[in-house]
């Protein structure tokens, strides 16, 4: 009976979320979600019963476990039932001045910025399909820049906010989901390998 109720309340969506497990974080494209779990596209395989955390909206973490994983898809069973509509439309948390609509990957690595004809190396704090947050104390709101991240094509963007030695840059054209999802997994694998070497 419970399963039938769950199926009736399943909602088909097409939304990026963050999936975290064992020190990794990856983009997951949710295909459908119900109070008891979700199914989504994931560019890696995970073992059944792997504990995971799902973040659909910034700051809203849902604990669960991998139910199955095959052919670039994953099924996650939540530890506790959720109110789907409330989770999908939860208020957005984040830094003032920065509306976090897309999941942000926290992967620290050097990036190059071209601003006013000068190329400068800065540190990436996080990245989403729509932009980046970097450590940079020379940028001003409204600056036009080109962001170069190793393994990704350079992207033009505009500084949306800058304070306390950090800046948020919105891309003029979003990074495609698959491109960023694969890059993030590859980059974290490289960093783990370098750290273990």
Protein backbone atom coordinates (compact mmCIF):
# COMPACT_ATOMS: atom_id res chain seq x y z
CA UNK A 1 0.00 0.00 0.00
CA UNK A 2 2.80 2.36 0.96
CA UNK A 3 4.59 1.78 -2.37
CA UNK A 4 1.42 2.51 -4.39
CA UNK A 5 0.89 5.77 -2.49
CA UNK A 6 4.53 6.65 -3.14
CA UNK A 7 4.15 5.99 -6.88
CA UNK A 8 1.05 8.17 -7.12
CA UNK A 9 2.91 11.08 -5.53
CA UNK A 10 5.95 10.76 -7.82
CA UNK A 11 6.75 13.98 -9.69
CA UNK A 12 8.70 14.10 -12.95
CA UNK A 13 11.23 16.93 -12.90
CA UNK A 14 14.33 17.94 -14.81
CA UNK A 15 16.47 19.60 -12.19
CA UNK A 16 20.12 19.51 -11.16
CA UNK A 17 20.93 18.47 -7.61
CA UNK A 18 24.09 17.76 -5.65
CA UNK A 19 24.88 14.22 -4.55
CA UNK A 20 27.58 13.76 -1.89
CA UNK A 21 29.20 10.54 -0.68
CA UNK A 22 32.51 9.54 0.91
CA UNK A 23 34.18 12.92 0.34
CA UNK A 24 32.92 13.29 -3.25
CA UNK A 25 30.25 15.56 -4.64
CA UNK A 26 28.65 15.26 -8.04
CA UNK A 27 25.88 16.76 -10.11
CA UNK A 28 22.82 14.57 -10.44
CA UNK A 29 20.06 15.40 -12.92
CA UNK A 30 16.82 14.41 -11.19
CA UNK A 31 14.29 12.73 -13.48
CA UNK A 32 11.63 11.98 -10.90
CA UNK A 33 11.21 12.39 -7.17
CA UNK A 34 8.73 11.11 -4.58
CA UNK A 35 8.48 11.40 -0.79
CA UNK A 36 10.57 8.23 -0.47
CA UNK A 37 13.36 8.80 -3.00
CA UNK A 38 14.52 9.91 -6.42
CA UNK A 39 15.86 8.66 -9.72
CA UNK A 40 18.47 10.69 -11.58
CA UNK A 41 21.29 10.76 -14.10
CA UNK A 42 24.75 10.38 -12.56
CA UNK A 43 28.09 10.14 -14.37
CA UNK A 44 29.44 7.40 -12.12
CA UNK A 45 28.33 4.13 -10.52
CA UNK A 46 27.81 3.77 -6.78
CA UNK A 47 27.44 0.57 -4.77
CA UNK A 48 24.02 -0.28 -3.30
CA UNK A 49 23.53 0.96 0.28
CA UNK A 50 26.19 3.69 -0.12
CA UNK A 51 25.14 6.52 2.24
CA UNK A 52 24.54 9.75 0.31
CA UNK A 53 23.30 13.27 0.91
CA UNK A 54 21.14 15.00 -1.68
CA UNK A 55 21.06 18.80 -1.94
CA UNK A 56 18.30 20.02 -4.24
CA UNK A 57 18.27 23.59 -2.95
CA UNK A 58 21.29 25.26 -1.36
CA UNK A 59 21.51 24.41 2.31
CA UNK A 60 18.73 21.77 2.21
CA UNK A 61 20.36 18.36 2.82
CA UNK A 62 18.44 15.08 2.52
CA UNK A 63 20.06 11.89 3.82
CA UNK A 64 19.58 8.63 1.97
CA UNK A 65 21.14 5.50 0.52
CA UNK A 66 21.79 4.22 -2.98
CA UNK A 67 19.02 1.76 -3.89
CA UNK A 68 20.50 0.91 -7.31
CA UNK A 69 22.96 2.31 -9.86
CA UNK A 70 23.24 1.28 -13.54
CA UNK A 71 23.72 2.71 -17.04
CA UNK A 72 24.46 6.24 -15.84
CA UNK A 73 21.35 6.33 -13.64
CA UNK A 74 20.95 6.12 -9.87
CA UNK A 75 18.08 5.43 -7.50
CA UNK A 76 18.25 6.95 -4.03
CA UNK A 77 16.01 5.98 -1.12
CA UNK A 78 15.64 8.75 1.46
CA UNK A 79 16.15 7.90 5.15
CA UNK A 80 12.96 9.80 5.98
CA UNK A 81 10.01 10.76 3.79
CA UNK A 82 10.05 14.32 2.47
CA UNK A 83 7.43 16.82 1.38
CA UNK A 84 8.39 16.98 -2.31
CA UNK A 85 6.75 20.30 -3.15
CA UNK A 86 8.22 21.93 -0.05
CA UNK A 87 11.72 20.68 -0.94
CA UNK A 88 11.46 21.73 -4.60
CA UNK A 89 10.28 25.22 -3.65
CA UNK A 90 12.21 25.71 -0.39
CA UNK A 91 13.63 29.18 0.26
CA UNK A 92 17.12 29.63 -1.11
CA UNK A 93 19.92 30.02 1.42
CA UNK A 94 23.27 31.56 0.63
CA UNK A 95 25.41 34.66 0.65
CA UNK A 96 23.57 37.91 0.44
CA UNK A 97 23.61 39.20 -3.11
CA UNK A 98 24.10 35.71 -4.56
CA UNK A 99 20.98 33.79 -5.49
CA UNK A 100 21.97 30.13 -5.62
CA UNK A 101 19.57 28.57 -8.07
CA UNK A 102 21.96 25.86 -9.28
CA UNK A 103 23.88 23.34 -7.15
CA UNK A 104 27.42 24.50 -6.46
CA UNK A 105 30.40 22.14 -6.53
CA UNK A 106 33.01 23.00 -3.90
CA UNK A 107 36.24 22.11 -5.70
CA UNK A 108 39.24 24.25 -4.84
CA UNK A 109 41.64 24.58 -7.77
CA UNK A 110 43.52 27.34 -9.60
CA UNK A 111 41.71 29.19 -12.38
CA UNK A 112 42.81 31.98 -14.69
CA UNK A 113 40.89 35.21 -15.02
CA UNK A 114 41.32 37.61 -17.92
CA UNK A 115 40.13 41.04 -16.83
CA UNK A 116 40.93 44.33 -18.59
CA UNK A 117 43.53 42.58 -20.75
CA UNK A 118 45.43 41.09 -17.80
CA UNK A 119 45.58 37.37 -17.01
CA UNK A 120 45.65 36.53 -13.30
CA UNK A 121 45.61 33.19 -11.49
CA UNK A 122 43.06 32.94 -8.65
CA UNK A 123 41.57 30.12 -6.56
CA UNK A 124 38.18 28.62 -7.37
CA UNK A 125 35.91 28.25 -4.34
CA UNK A 126 32.90 26.73 -6.05
CA UNK A 127 31.36 26.32 -9.49
CA UNK A 128 27.86 25.78 -10.87
CA UNK A 129 26.50 25.59 -14.39
CA UNK A 130 25.76 29.29 -14.12
CA UNK A 131 28.93 30.72 -12.58
CA UNK A 132 31.84 30.58 -10.16
CA UNK A 133 32.91 31.98 -6.82
CA UNK A 134 36.61 32.84 -6.64
CA UNK A 135 39.12 34.29 -4.21
CA UNK A 136 40.02 37.64 -5.76
CA UNK A 137 40.31 41.04 -4.13
CA UNK A 138 40.75 43.10 -7.31
CA UNK A 139 37.39 42.51 -8.99
CA UNK A 140 34.51 44.97 -8.90
CA UNK A 141 30.81 44.43 -9.47
CA UNK A 142 30.04 44.79 -13.19
CA UNK A 143 33.55 43.79 -14.40
CA UNK A 144 33.54 41.63 -17.53
CA UNK A 145 35.95 38.69 -17.32
CA UNK A 146 36.88 35.44 -19.02
CA UNK A 147 37.18 32.49 -16.62
CA UNK A 148 39.58 29.70 -17.55
CA UNK A 149 39.29 26.42 -15.61
CA UNK A 150 41.63 23.55 -16.52
CA UNK A 151 39.64 20.96 -18.44
CA UNK A 152 36.80 23.33 -19.36
CA UNK A 153 36.45 25.85 -22.18
CA UNK A 154 37.03 29.49 -21.21
CA UNK A 155 33.77 31.25 -20.31
CA UNK A 156 32.85 34.91 -20.43
CA UNK A 157 31.10 36.28 -17.38
CA UNK A 158 30.17 39.33 -15.36
CA UNK A 159 31.09 39.96 -11.71
CA UNK A 160 27.79 40.05 -9.80
CA UNK A 161 29.25 40.78 -6.36
CA UNK A 162 32.67 41.34 -4.78
CA UNK A 163 33.54 41.69 -1.09
CA UNK A 164 35.85 40.28 1.60
CA UNK A 165 38.40 39.13 -1.00
CA UNK A 166 35.86 37.01 -2.88
CA UNK A 167 33.77 37.51 -5.99
CA UNK A 168 30.81 35.85 -7.67
CA UNK A 169 30.90 35.65 -11.47
CA UNK A 170 27.83 34.79 -13.56
CA UNK A 171 28.54 33.15 -16.91
CA UNK A 172 26.95 34.66 -20.01
CA UNK A 173 26.29 31.09 -21.24
CA UNK A 174 25.79 28.23 -18.78
CA UNK A 175 28.08 25.18 -18.77
CA UNK A 176 26.11 22.17 -20.07
CA UNK A 177 25.13 19.73 -17.30
CA UNK A 178 27.03 16.73 -18.75
CA UNK A 179 30.20 18.78 -19.31
CA UNK A 180 30.33 20.08 -15.73
CA UNK A 181 29.25 16.77 -14.19
CA UNK A 182 32.05 14.81 -15.94
CA UNK A 183 34.64 17.54 -15.23
CA UNK A 184 33.80 17.58 -11.50
CA UNK A 185 34.21 13.81 -11.11
CA UNK A 186 37.47 13.78 -13.10
CA UNK A 187 38.85 16.74 -11.15
CA UNK A 188 38.04 15.20 -7.76
CA UNK A 189 39.62 11.89 -8.82
CA UNK A 190 42.78 13.81 -9.87
CA UNK A 191 42.88 15.69 -6.56
CA UNK A 192 42.37 12.45 -4.57
CA UNK A 193 45.17 10.76 -6.53
CA UNK A 194 47.51 13.72 -5.99
CA UNK A 195 46.67 13.78 -2.29
CA UNK A 196 47.34 10.05 -1.94
CA UNK A 197 50.60 10.16 -3.88
